[in-house]
Protein backbone atom coordinates (compact mmCIF):
# COMPACT_ATOMS: atom_id res chain seq x y z
CA UNK A 1 16.39 -85.29 -43.19
CA UNK A 2 17.07 -88.38 -45.27
CA UNK A 3 20.41 -90.23 -45.43
CA UNK A 4 22.09 -89.66 -48.83
CA UNK A 5 24.91 -92.19 -48.20
CA UNK A 6 22.45 -95.01 -47.55
CA UNK A 7 20.38 -93.98 -50.58
CA UNK A 8 23.50 -93.98 -52.78
CA UNK A 9 24.53 -97.49 -51.68
CA UNK A 10 21.09 -98.89 -52.53
CA UNK A 11 21.08 -97.11 -55.88
CA UNK A 12 24.49 -98.51 -56.89
CA UNK A 13 23.45 -102.12 -56.31
CA UNK A 14 20.14 -101.62 -58.13
CA UNK A 15 21.96 -99.94 -61.03
CA UNK A 16 24.35 -102.88 -61.47
CA UNK A 17 21.49 -105.42 -61.51
CA UNK A 18 19.29 -103.34 -63.79
CA UNK A 19 22.05 -102.54 -66.27
CA UNK A 20 23.00 -106.20 -66.63
CA UNK A 21 19.44 -107.39 -67.17
CA UNK A 22 18.61 -104.58 -69.61
CA UNK A 23 21.03 -106.16 -72.11
CA UNK A 24 19.49 -109.62 -71.55
CA UNK A 25 15.94 -108.34 -72.00
CA UNK A 26 16.74 -106.26 -75.07
CA UNK A 27 18.36 -109.21 -76.85
CA UNK A 28 15.59 -111.52 -75.66
CA UNK A 29 12.86 -109.17 -76.87
CA UNK A 30 14.45 -109.00 -80.33
CA UNK A 31 14.92 -112.79 -80.44
CA UNK A 32 11.35 -113.61 -79.36
CA UNK A 33 9.76 -110.69 -81.29
CA UNK A 34 7.86 -109.76 -78.11
CA UNK A 35 6.62 -106.18 -77.72
CA UNK A 36 5.97 -106.84 -74.05
CA UNK A 37 9.66 -107.68 -73.55
CA UNK A 38 10.93 -104.91 -75.84
CA UNK A 39 8.75 -102.28 -74.13
CA UNK A 40 9.91 -103.55 -70.76
CA UNK A 41 13.52 -103.43 -72.00
CA UNK A 42 13.07 -99.82 -73.10
CA UNK A 43 11.56 -99.04 -69.74
CA UNK A 44 14.46 -100.84 -68.05
CA UNK A 45 16.83 -98.63 -70.04
CA UNK A 46 15.06 -95.61 -68.53
CA UNK A 47 15.56 -97.34 -65.16
CA UNK A 48 19.30 -97.33 -65.82
CA UNK A 49 19.09 -93.63 -66.65
CA UNK A 50 16.87 -92.97 -63.64
CA UNK A 51 19.22 -94.73 -61.23
CA UNK A 52 22.27 -93.01 -62.74
CA UNK A 53 20.55 -89.62 -62.53
CA UNK A 54 19.43 -90.26 -58.95
CA UNK A 55 23.02 -91.11 -57.99
CA UNK A 56 24.38 -88.02 -59.76
CA UNK A 57 21.85 -85.68 -58.17
CA UNK A 58 22.55 -87.11 -54.71
CA UNK A 59 26.22 -86.24 -55.23
CA UNK A 60 25.39 -82.74 -56.48
CA UNK A 61 22.91 -82.18 -53.63
CA UNK A 62 25.62 -83.01 -51.09
CA UNK A 63 27.88 -80.17 -52.28
CA UNK A 64 28.25 -77.28 -49.80
CA UNK A 65 26.57 -73.88 -50.32
CA UNK A 66 28.37 -71.23 -52.33
CA UNK A 67 28.17 -67.45 -52.59
CA UNK A 68 25.66 -67.70 -55.44
CA UNK A 69 23.85 -70.83 -54.12
CA UNK A 70 23.24 -69.95 -50.47
CA UNK A 71 20.85 -72.88 -49.96
CA UNK A 72 23.38 -75.23 -51.52
CA UNK A 73 22.42 -77.70 -54.24
CA UNK A 74 19.79 -79.68 -52.33
CA UNK A 75 17.18 -79.20 -55.03
CA UNK A 76 19.29 -81.04 -57.60
CA UNK A 77 17.57 -84.17 -56.31
CA UNK A 78 14.16 -82.64 -57.10
CA UNK A 79 15.25 -81.66 -60.61
CA UNK A 80 16.52 -85.21 -61.18
CA UNK A 81 13.20 -86.66 -60.05
CA UNK A 82 11.34 -84.31 -62.42
CA UNK A 83 13.49 -85.37 -65.37
CA UNK A 84 12.90 -89.02 -64.47
CA UNK A 85 9.15 -88.49 -64.36
CA UNK A 86 9.12 -86.78 -67.76
CA UNK A 87 11.26 -89.59 -69.21
CA UNK A 88 8.68 -92.10 -68.00
CA UNK A 89 5.94 -90.20 -69.83
CA UNK A 90 7.94 -90.31 -73.07
CA UNK A 91 8.36 -94.08 -72.67
CA UNK A 92 4.58 -94.37 -72.42
CA UNK A 93 4.14 -92.62 -75.78
CA UNK A 94 6.54 -95.04 -77.51
CA UNK A 95 4.90 -98.14 -76.02
CA UNK A 96 1.37 -97.04 -76.94
CA UNK A 97 2.33 -96.21 -80.55
CA UNK A 98 4.11 -99.56 -81.01
CA UNK A 99 1.30 -101.50 -79.32
CA UNK A 100 -1.30 -99.88 -81.59
CA UNK A 101 0.77 -100.77 -84.67
CA UNK A 102 1.00 -104.39 -83.56
CA UNK A 103 -2.71 -104.61 -82.87
CA UNK A 104 -3.31 -103.62 -86.49
CA UNK A 105 -0.91 -106.29 -87.72
CA UNK A 106 -0.47 -109.20 -85.30
CA UNK A 107 3.02 -110.73 -85.29
CA UNK A 108 4.05 -114.17 -83.96
CA UNK A 109 5.99 -114.28 -80.69
CA UNK A 110 8.42 -116.90 -79.34
CA UNK A 111 6.31 -117.44 -76.24
CA UNK A 112 8.53 -119.91 -74.36
CA UNK A 113 11.63 -117.73 -74.57
CA UNK A 114 9.63 -114.63 -73.73
CA UNK A 115 8.15 -116.25 -70.61
CA UNK A 116 11.56 -117.48 -69.41
CA UNK A 117 13.18 -114.05 -69.83
CA UNK A 118 10.22 -112.37 -68.13
CA UNK A 119 10.62 -114.75 -65.15
CA UNK A 120 14.28 -113.79 -64.80
CA UNK A 121 13.27 -110.14 -65.07
CA UNK A 122 10.74 -110.60 -62.31
CA UNK A 123 13.45 -111.89 -59.95
CA UNK A 124 15.77 -108.97 -60.80
CA UNK A 125 12.98 -106.42 -60.33
CA UNK A 126 11.87 -107.91 -57.01
CA UNK A 127 15.45 -107.61 -55.69
CA UNK A 128 15.75 -104.01 -56.92
CA UNK A 129 12.32 -103.08 -55.53
CA UNK A 130 13.29 -104.45 -52.10
CA UNK A 131 16.52 -102.43 -52.25
CA UNK A 132 14.78 -99.20 -53.19
CA UNK A 133 11.53 -99.55 -51.25
CA UNK A 134 10.48 -96.22 -49.68
CA UNK A 135 11.63 -95.56 -46.14
CA UNK A 136 10.81 -92.82 -43.66
CA UNK A 137 14.05 -90.99 -44.50
CA UNK A 138 14.30 -91.78 -48.21
CA UNK A 139 14.48 -88.93 -50.73
CA UNK A 140 12.24 -88.22 -53.71
CA UNK A 141 15.06 -89.20 -56.08
CA UNK A 142 15.09 -92.74 -54.70
CA UNK A 143 11.27 -92.83 -54.71
CA UNK A 144 11.31 -91.87 -58.40
CA UNK A 145 13.77 -94.69 -59.13
CA UNK A 146 11.62 -97.08 -57.08
CA UNK A 147 8.56 -96.23 -59.20
CA UNK A 148 10.58 -97.05 -62.34
CA UNK A 149 11.52 -100.43 -60.87
CA UNK A 150 8.04 -101.14 -59.53
CA UNK A 151 6.52 -100.48 -62.95
CA UNK A 152 9.08 -102.90 -64.41
CA UNK A 153 8.18 -105.50 -61.80
CA UNK A 154 4.49 -105.26 -62.67
CA UNK A 155 5.43 -105.31 -66.34
CA UNK A 156 7.37 -108.56 -65.83
CA UNK A 157 4.32 -110.12 -64.19
CA UNK A 158 2.15 -108.97 -67.09
CA UNK A 159 4.68 -110.33 -69.62
CA UNK A 160 4.71 -113.72 -67.87
CA UNK A 161 0.91 -113.82 -67.99
CA UNK A 162 0.95 -112.89 -71.69
CA UNK A 163 3.52 -115.59 -72.42
CA UNK A 164 1.42 -118.26 -70.70
CA UNK A 165 -1.72 -117.15 -72.55
CA UNK A 166 0.10 -117.29 -75.90
CA UNK A 167 1.52 -120.73 -75.11
CA UNK A 168 -1.95 -122.06 -74.35
CA UNK A 169 -4.10 -120.23 -76.92
CA UNK A 170 -1.73 -118.89 -79.60
CA UNK A 171 -3.44 -115.48 -79.27
CA UNK A 172 -0.49 -113.18 -80.08
CA UNK A 173 -2.47 -109.94 -79.80
CA UNK A 174 -2.26 -110.28 -76.02
CA UNK A 175 1.41 -109.25 -76.29
CA UNK A 176 0.44 -105.80 -77.59
CA UNK A 177 -2.36 -105.51 -75.03
CA UNK A 178 0.09 -106.25 -72.21
CA UNK A 179 2.43 -103.62 -73.69
CA UNK A 180 -0.38 -101.04 -73.36
CA UNK A 181 -1.10 -102.21 -69.79
CA UNK A 182 2.56 -101.64 -68.91
CA UNK A 183 2.27 -98.13 -70.38
CA UNK A 184 -0.65 -97.35 -68.07
CA UNK A 185 1.33 -98.54 -65.03
CA UNK A 186 4.30 -96.41 -66.04
CA UNK A 187 2.09 -93.33 -66.54
CA UNK A 188 0.45 -93.71 -63.11
CA UNK A 189 3.84 -93.81 -61.41
CA UNK A 190 5.27 -90.97 -63.48
CA UNK A 191 2.39 -88.61 -62.73
CA UNK A 192 2.91 -88.81 -58.97
CA UNK A 193 6.63 -88.07 -59.24
CA UNK A 194 6.16 -85.16 -61.66
CA UNK A 195 3.41 -83.62 -59.54
CA UNK A 196 5.44 -83.82 -56.33
CA UNK A 197 8.57 -82.42 -57.97
CA UNK A 198 6.62 -79.53 -59.55
CA UNK A 199 4.96 -78.74 -56.21
CA UNK A 200 8.36 -78.49 -54.54
CA UNK A 201 9.85 -76.35 -57.31
CA UNK A 202 6.76 -74.07 -57.19
CA UNK A 203 7.28 -73.77 -53.41
CA UNK A 204 3.82 -75.13 -52.61
CA UNK A 205 2.84 -75.73 -48.99
CA UNK A 206 4.12 -79.22 -47.99
CA UNK A 207 1.42 -81.87 -47.98
CA UNK A 208 1.82 -82.63 -44.26
CA UNK A 209 1.27 -78.99 -43.21
CA UNK A 210 -2.21 -77.63 -42.43
CA UNK A 211 -1.56 -73.91 -42.90
CA UNK A 212 -4.67 -72.80 -40.96
CA UNK A 213 -3.71 -74.96 -38.00
CA UNK A 214 -0.10 -73.74 -38.16
CA UNK A 215 -1.26 -70.11 -38.12
CA UNK A 216 -3.64 -70.78 -35.23
CA UNK A 217 -0.95 -72.56 -33.19
CA UNK A 218 1.51 -69.68 -33.61
CA UNK A 219 -1.09 -67.00 -32.89
CA UNK A 220 -2.06 -68.89 -29.70
CA UNK A 221 1.40 -68.27 -28.25
CA UNK A 222 1.22 -65.77 -25.41
CA UNK A 223 2.09 -62.25 -26.52
CA UNK A 224 1.33 -62.89 -30.21
CA UNK A 225 -1.44 -60.87 -31.90
CA UNK A 226 -1.39 -62.18 -35.45
CA UNK A 227 0.77 -63.37 -38.35
CA UNK A 228 0.97 -62.03 -41.88
CA UNK A 229 3.12 -62.68 -44.95
CA UNK A 230 3.19 -66.33 -43.91
CA UNK A 231 4.97 -68.70 -46.32
CA UNK A 232 5.83 -72.39 -45.93
CA UNK A 233 7.69 -74.42 -48.55
CA UNK A 234 9.92 -77.45 -49.11
CA UNK A 235 13.65 -76.98 -49.69
CA UNK A 236 14.19 -80.65 -50.57
CA UNK A 237 13.04 -84.00 -49.23
CA UNK A 238 12.62 -83.76 -45.45
CA UNK A 239 13.71 -80.10 -45.25
CA UNK A 240 10.99 -77.48 -44.78
CA UNK A 241 11.19 -73.71 -44.40
CA UNK A 242 8.95 -70.93 -43.09
CA UNK A 243 9.03 -67.16 -43.19
CA UNK A 244 6.50 -64.81 -41.59
CA UNK A 245 5.90 -61.48 -39.87
CA UNK A 246 4.56 -61.84 -36.32
CA UNK A 247 2.84 -58.93 -34.58
CA UNK A 248 3.46 -59.04 -30.79
CA UNK A 249 2.15 -56.77 -28.03
CA UNK A 250 5.24 -56.62 -25.82
CA UNK A 251 3.67 -58.45 -22.86
CA UNK A 252 6.25 -61.22 -23.30
CA UNK A 253 9.90 -60.81 -24.26
CA UNK A 254 10.26 -61.14 -28.03
CA UNK A 255 13.08 -63.68 -27.75
CA UNK A 256 10.85 -65.96 -25.65
CA UNK A 257 8.07 -65.66 -28.24
CA UNK A 258 10.51 -66.64 -31.00
CA UNK A 259 11.82 -69.60 -29.01
CA UNK A 260 8.29 -70.92 -28.46
CA UNK A 261 7.42 -70.45 -32.12
CA UNK A 262 10.49 -72.41 -33.18
CA UNK A 263 9.63 -75.17 -30.72
CA UNK A 264 6.05 -75.46 -32.02
CA UNK A 265 7.17 -75.45 -35.65
CA UNK A 266 9.85 -78.11 -35.10
CA UNK A 267 7.79 -80.45 -32.91
CA UNK A 268 4.38 -80.16 -34.60
CA UNK A 269 5.25 -79.47 -38.24
CA UNK A 270 8.89 -80.65 -38.67
CA UNK A 271 9.95 -77.17 -39.86
CA UNK A 272 13.50 -76.25 -38.83
CA UNK A 273 14.43 -73.47 -41.29
CA UNK A 274 12.55 -70.55 -39.72
CA UNK A 275 12.71 -66.82 -40.39
CA UNK A 276 10.24 -64.70 -38.37
CA UNK A 277 10.28 -60.91 -38.22
CA UNK A 278 8.72 -59.48 -35.06
CA UNK A 279 6.61 -56.32 -35.22
CA UNK A 280 5.50 -54.60 -32.04
CA UNK A 281 2.05 -53.07 -31.60
CA UNK A 282 -0.38 -51.94 -28.93
CA UNK A 283 -1.93 -54.72 -26.78
CA UNK A 284 -3.65 -57.31 -28.94
CA UNK A 285 -7.35 -56.87 -29.55
CA UNK A 286 -9.54 -59.99 -29.10
CA UNK A 287 -10.94 -59.65 -32.61
CA UNK A 288 -7.64 -59.22 -34.43
CA UNK A 289 -8.04 -59.70 -38.15
CA UNK A 290 -5.59 -61.83 -40.19
CA UNK A 291 -3.84 -60.01 -42.99
């Protein structure tokens, strides 16, 4: 299970830095007439929203279960990550449309100012990326925010490169091209977050679980004939659940079979939320068929 308090502290610092620089970059993009800076500023605005949403969903997820929400609100973090991923995709649409318009009608850019602001942005994004870098116990909400910041970091590097090229060659079209490159980076990050969030909400088998191996390991426990109605899903980041019916032959006490199943699931597959219904049958046949 990840540590929400630690995640929240990192998010607050990153939010303060990002919010302050968003204003600087927005004004700077307008002053220099740079699409690369403006697109990065818009993306940084989504960073502010992403960090705020991640903080809010961490707070909601920490609320205790209720009569109507027996699992609690842990999936609020997943919903927040999904919204962040979709927001990133919308940013991509805006950047591509604006970049295409500027390619049709090249506009001059104040290259020196743009490069200076992009350099400051790079420093801010490096600090935020270090704060939010993925850890073993970090949640998907923080990972979604990290992807926002990482895309901004790469965008700052691209904007610096564009500024230098324009200073040397006067080729202003590179600004729009860099804007499109930033859009591609944003889309790549967004797709991973959206896919993971959708998989969790659709209760897909967690990526680290080999279902065939899990079934084989449980059926290898002495006294177990076979499993059916086997389901494995993710509750939220780092919390996995399983439900199944296990047919046993009575040669071993049912409680001992359950204890061994729980041990195998916890130690081999990191699954702690386990519901297994035992069904007794005649002695197991060697060629038992899975159902």
